[in-house]
Amino acid sequence: MTVGIFTYQIGIGLIGAIVIGFFAGALGLLAGQHIFSVAHPPIIRLIVALLFAVPAACAGYSMTFGLAQVGIASEWWRQVFALVGAVVVGCTAWARLAILAIAAPGVFSGPPRLSLGPSLGPAIPDRRLSCTLLHPLSVWNRADS
């Protein structure tokens, strides 16, 4: 947002500021996800996650408090709802950063091969078999593969 405001103030224009601000935000998110996924020390992951979760929690507090002022007369209940909103939005930002983080090479190499029992075989069928069943003219149908 700061990049968008700065570009608007130097004379880029409204559309250019929105586009540049959007790309700067996307770049920041991708950089944070990359650092979060490749960093091994937990303290670095904690710092990166807090850089995303704390501003989101502040925004969640402000939004929920503003909405609570419309419909709740008691100041105590407004604060309670605002704090719950801050926790929910902050935890959501933390979880989204952790879930969308790209796995390090070699950490995840595909779906797990679960066995359904000694006589039933693997839970995930062989790809060649499923391709053959789904598309009879597939290249997997060749005798040489």
C-alpha atoms as a PDB file:
ATOM      1  CA  MET A   1       0.000   0.000   0.000  1.00  0.00           C
ATOM      2  CA  THR A   2       2.853   2.337   0.783  1.00  0.00           C
ATOM      3  CA  VAL A   3       4.328   1.766  -2.668  1.00  0.00           C
ATOM      4  CA  GLY A   4       0.978   2.554  -4.282  1.00  0.00           C
ATOM      5  CA  ILE A   5       0.567   5.773  -2.279  1.00  0.00           C
ATOM      6  CA  PHE A   6       4.136   6.827  -3.061  1.00  0.00           C
ATOM      7  CA  THR A   7       3.710   6.232  -6.791  1.00  0.00           C
ATOM      8  CA  TYR A   8       0.445   8.189  -6.762  1.00  0.00           C
ATOM      9  CA  GLN A   9       2.124  11.113  -5.007  1.00  0.00           C
ATOM     10  CA  ILE A  10       4.973  11.290  -7.513  1.00  0.00           C
ATOM     11  CA  GLY A  11       2.495  11.589 -10.373  1.00  0.00           C
ATOM     12  CA  ILE A  12       2.042   8.105 -11.841  1.00  0.00           C
ATOM     13  CA  GLY A  13      -1.743   8.431 -11.742  1.00  0.00           C
ATOM     14  CA  LEU A  14      -4.492   6.482 -10.041  1.00  0.00           C
ATOM     15  CA  ILE A  15      -4.517   3.410 -12.318  1.00  0.00           C
ATOM     16  CA  GLY A  16      -0.718   3.153 -12.352  1.00  0.00           C
ATOM     17  CA  ALA A  17      -0.547   3.479  -8.558  1.00  0.00           C
ATOM     18  CA  ILE A  18      -3.124   0.706  -8.114  1.00  0.00           C
ATOM     19  CA  VAL A  19      -1.284  -1.613 -10.510  1.00  0.00           C
ATOM     20  CA  ILE A  20       2.151  -0.928  -8.997  1.00  0.00           C
ATOM     21  CA  GLY A  21       0.764  -1.283  -5.456  1.00  0.00           C
ATOM     22  CA  PHE A  22      -0.855  -4.604  -6.387  1.00  0.00           C
ATOM     23  CA  PHE A  23       2.377  -5.976  -7.849  1.00  0.00           C
ATOM     24  CA  ALA A  24       4.408  -4.751  -4.863  1.00  0.00           C
ATOM     25  CA  GLY A  25       1.974  -6.487  -2.494  1.00  0.00           C
ATOM     26  CA  ALA A  26       2.106  -9.717  -4.496  1.00  0.00           C
ATOM     27  CA  LEU A  27       5.901  -9.586  -4.544  1.00  0.00           C
ATOM     28  CA  GLY A  28       5.962  -9.065  -0.773  1.00  0.00           C
ATOM     29  CA  LEU A  29       3.641 -12.024  -0.226  1.00  0.00           C
ATOM     30  CA  LEU A  30       5.692 -14.288  -2.487  1.00  0.00           C
ATOM     31  CA  ALA A  31       8.937 -13.203  -0.818  1.00  0.00           C
ATOM     32  CA  GLY A  32       7.464 -13.877   2.619  1.00  0.00           C
ATOM     33  CA  GLN A  33       6.193 -17.309   1.586  1.00  0.00           C
ATOM     34  CA  HIS A  34       9.556 -18.190   0.073  1.00  0.00           C
ATOM     35  CA  ILE A  35      11.497 -17.100   3.142  1.00  0.00           C
ATOM     36  CA  PHE A  36       9.020 -18.930   5.382  1.00  0.00           C
ATOM     37  CA  SER A  37       9.339 -22.145   3.373  1.00  0.00           C
ATOM     38  CA  VAL A  38      13.141 -22.250   3.019  1.00  0.00           C
ATOM     39  CA  ALA A  39      14.115 -20.959   6.462  1.00  0.00           C
ATOM     40  CA  HIS A  40      15.006 -23.776   8.819  1.00  0.00           C
ATOM     41  CA  PRO A  41      15.471 -21.905  12.128  1.00  0.00           C
ATOM     42  CA  PRO A  42      12.110 -21.497  13.880  1.00  0.00           C
ATOM     43  CA  ILE A  43      12.964 -17.951  15.005  1.00  0.00           C
ATOM     44  CA  ILE A  44      13.159 -16.739  11.384  1.00  0.00           C
ATOM     45  CA  ARG A  45       9.857 -18.432  10.566  1.00  0.00           C
ATOM     46  CA  LEU A  46       8.326 -16.829  13.656  1.00  0.00           C
ATOM     47  CA  ILE A  47       9.542 -13.363  12.667  1.00  0.00           C
ATOM     48  CA  VAL A  48       8.262 -13.713   9.089  1.00  0.00           C
ATOM     49  CA  ALA A  49       4.897 -15.033  10.262  1.00  0.00           C
ATOM     50  CA  LEU A  50       4.574 -12.189  12.761  1.00  0.00           C
ATOM     51  CA  LEU A  51       5.346  -9.661  10.027  1.00  0.00           C
ATOM     52  CA  PHE A  52       2.198 -10.880   8.264  1.00  0.00           C
ATOM     53  CA  ALA A  53      -0.043 -11.776  11.225  1.00  0.00           C
ATOM     54  CA  VAL A  54       0.340  -8.670  13.416  1.00  0.00           C
ATOM     55  CA  PRO A  55      -0.781  -6.109  10.789  1.00  0.00           C
ATOM     56  CA  ALA A  56      -3.618  -8.431   9.817  1.00  0.00           C
ATOM     57  CA  ALA A  57      -4.680  -8.709  13.472  1.00  0.00           C
ATOM     58  CA  CYS A  58      -4.644  -4.915  13.820  1.00  0.00           C
ATOM     59  CA  ALA A  59      -6.788  -4.592  10.699  1.00  0.00           C
ATOM     60  CA  GLY A  60      -9.154  -7.274  12.019  1.00  0.00           C
ATOM     61  CA  TYR A  61      -9.475  -5.421  15.313  1.00  0.00           C
ATOM     62  CA  SER A  62     -10.235  -2.120  13.594  1.00  0.00           C
ATOM     63  CA  MET A  63     -12.744  -3.658  11.208  1.00  0.00           C
ATOM     64  CA  THR A  64     -14.577  -5.632  13.884  1.00  0.00           C
ATOM     65  CA  PHE A  65     -14.616  -2.687  16.281  1.00  0.00           C
ATOM     66  CA  GLY A  66     -16.044  -0.454  13.569  1.00  0.00           C
ATOM     67  CA  LEU A  67     -18.790  -2.952  12.808  1.00  0.00           C
ATOM     68  CA  ALA A  68     -19.474  -3.468  16.514  1.00  0.00           C
ATOM     69  CA  GLN A  69     -20.022   0.277  16.968  1.00  0.00           C
ATOM     70  CA  VAL A  70     -22.934   0.058  14.566  1.00  0.00           C
ATOM     71  CA  GLY A  71     -24.913  -2.596  16.422  1.00  0.00           C
ATOM     72  CA  ILE A  72     -23.612  -3.012  19.984  1.00  0.00           C
ATOM     73  CA  ALA A  73     -24.353  -0.457  22.704  1.00  0.00           C
ATOM     74  CA  SER A  74     -22.048  -1.792  25.435  1.00  0.00           C
ATOM     75  CA  GLU A  75     -18.394  -0.730  25.206  1.00  0.00           C
ATOM     76  CA  TRP A  76     -17.229  -3.963  26.855  1.00  0.00           C
ATOM     77  CA  TRP A  77     -18.957  -6.133  24.258  1.00  0.00           C
ATOM     78  CA  ARG A  78     -17.518  -4.004  21.451  1.00  0.00           C
ATOM     79  CA  GLN A  79     -14.032  -4.648  22.799  1.00  0.00           C
ATOM     80  CA  VAL A  80     -14.739  -8.368  23.186  1.00  0.00           C
ATOM     81  CA  PHE A  81     -15.936  -8.664  19.595  1.00  0.00           C
ATOM     82  CA  ALA A  82     -13.025  -6.563  18.349  1.00  0.00           C
ATOM     83  CA  LEU A  83     -10.504  -8.781  20.170  1.00  0.00           C
ATOM     84  CA  VAL A  84     -12.132 -11.930  18.806  1.00  0.00           C
ATOM     85  CA  GLY A  85     -12.003 -10.419  15.316  1.00  0.00           C
ATOM     86  CA  ALA A  86      -8.319  -9.575  15.774  1.00  0.00           C
ATOM     87  CA  VAL A  87      -7.491 -13.115  16.874  1.00  0.00           C
ATOM     88  CA  VAL A  88      -9.459 -14.704  14.039  1.00  0.00           C
ATOM     89  CA  VAL A  89      -7.966 -12.502  11.305  1.00  0.00           C
ATOM     90  CA  GLY A  90      -4.426 -12.775  12.719  1.00  0.00           C
ATOM     91  CA  CYS A  91      -4.628 -16.570  12.977  1.00  0.00           C
ATOM     92  CA  THR A  92      -6.052 -16.753   9.463  1.00  0.00           C
ATOM     93  CA  ALA A  93      -3.134 -14.728   8.084  1.00  0.00           C
ATOM     94  CA  TRP A  94      -0.666 -16.950   9.959  1.00  0.00           C
ATOM     95  CA  ALA A  95      -2.309 -20.137   8.672  1.00  0.00           C
ATOM     96  CA  ARG A  96      -2.508 -18.908   5.084  1.00  0.00           C
ATOM     97  CA  LEU A  97       1.176 -18.032   5.118  1.00  0.00           C
ATOM     98  CA  ALA A  98       2.084 -21.451   6.458  1.00  0.00           C
ATOM     99  CA  ILE A  99      -0.237 -23.371   4.125  1.00  0.00           C
ATOM    100  CA  LEU A 100       0.721 -21.525   0.953  1.00  0.00           C
ATOM    101  CA  ALA A 101       4.440 -21.780   1.642  1.00  0.00           C
ATOM    102  CA  ILE A 102       6.276 -23.729  -1.043  1.00  0.00           C
ATOM    103  CA  ALA A 103       7.738 -26.962   0.253  1.00  0.00           C
ATOM    104  CA  ALA A 104      11.502 -27.296   0.161  1.00  0.00           C
ATOM    105  CA  PRO A 105      12.874 -29.676  -2.502  1.00  0.00           C
ATOM    106  CA  GLY A 106      12.675 -33.280  -1.412  1.00  0.00           C
ATOM    107  CA  VAL A 107      10.244 -32.630   1.436  1.00  0.00           C
ATOM    108  CA  PHE A 108       7.098 -33.651  -0.445  1.00  0.00           C
ATOM    109  CA  SER A 109       7.401 -35.931  -3.398  1.00  0.00           C
ATOM    110  CA  GLY A 110       3.789 -36.670  -4.227  1.00  0.00           C
ATOM    111  CA  PRO A 111       0.833 -38.363  -2.588  1.00  0.00           C
ATOM    112  CA  PRO A 112       1.599 -40.935   0.090  1.00  0.00           C
ATOM    113  CA  ARG A 113       1.256 -44.564  -0.868  1.00  0.00           C
ATOM    114  CA  LEU A 114      -1.133 -45.936   1.712  1.00  0.00           C
ATOM    115  CA  SER A 115      -1.874 -49.611   1.875  1.00  0.00           C
ATOM    116  CA  LEU A 116      -5.473 -50.709   2.310  1.00  0.00           C
ATOM    117  CA  GLY A 117      -4.437 -54.084   3.643  1.00  0.00           C
ATOM    118  CA  PRO A 118      -2.418 -57.139   2.678  1.00  0.00           C
ATOM    119  CA  SER A 119      -4.728 -58.200  -0.143  1.00  0.00           C
ATOM    120  CA  LEU A 120      -6.176 -54.904  -1.378  1.00  0.00           C
ATOM    121  CA  GLY A 121      -2.969 -53.198  -2.554  1.00  0.00           C
ATOM    122  CA  PRO A 122      -2.194 -49.487  -2.563  1.00  0.00           C
ATOM    123  CA  ALA A 123      -4.910 -46.893  -1.967  1.00  0.00           C
ATOM    124  CA  ILE A 124      -3.696 -44.791  -4.933  1.00  0.00           C
ATOM    125  CA  PRO A 125      -3.851 -46.735  -8.189  1.00  0.00           C
ATOM    126  CA  ASP A 126      -1.036 -46.752 -10.709  1.00  0.00           C
ATOM    127  CA  ARG A 127      -1.181 -43.759 -13.073  1.00  0.00           C
ATOM    128  CA  ARG A 128      -0.833 -45.903 -16.174  1.00  0.00           C
ATOM    129  CA  LEU A 129      -3.847 -47.944 -15.177  1.00  0.00           C
ATOM    130  CA  SER A 130      -5.995 -44.871 -14.517  1.00  0.00           C
ATOM    131  CA  CYS A 131      -4.918 -43.241 -17.803  1.00  0.00           C
ATOM    132  CA  THR A 132      -5.732 -46.401 -19.690  1.00  0.00           C
ATOM    133  CA  LEU A 133      -9.129 -46.610 -18.078  1.00  0.00           C
ATOM    134  CA  LEU A 134      -9.906 -42.943 -18.686  1.00  0.00           C
ATOM    135  CA  HIS A 135      -8.596 -42.668 -22.233  1.00  0.00           C
ATOM    136  CA  PRO A 136      -8.286 -45.827 -24.328  1.00  0.00           C
ATOM    137  CA  LEU A 137      -6.201 -44.102 -27.045  1.00  0.00           C
ATOM    138  CA  SER A 138      -3.668 -42.804 -24.515  1.00  0.00           C
ATOM    139  CA  VAL A 139       0.096 -43.203 -25.013  1.00  0.00           C
ATOM    140  CA  TRP A 140       0.087 -45.332 -21.857  1.00  0.00           C
ATOM    141  CA  ASN A 141      -1.836 -47.965 -23.809  1.00  0.00           C
ATOM    142  CA  ARG A 142       1.234 -48.891 -25.849  1.00  0.00           C
ATOM    143  CA  ALA A 143       2.709 -52.336 -25.389  1.00  0.00           C
ATOM    144  CA  ASP A 144       6.290 -50.989 -25.096  1.00  0.00           C
ATOM    145  CA  SER A 145       5.570 -49.028 -21.895  1.00  0.00           C
END
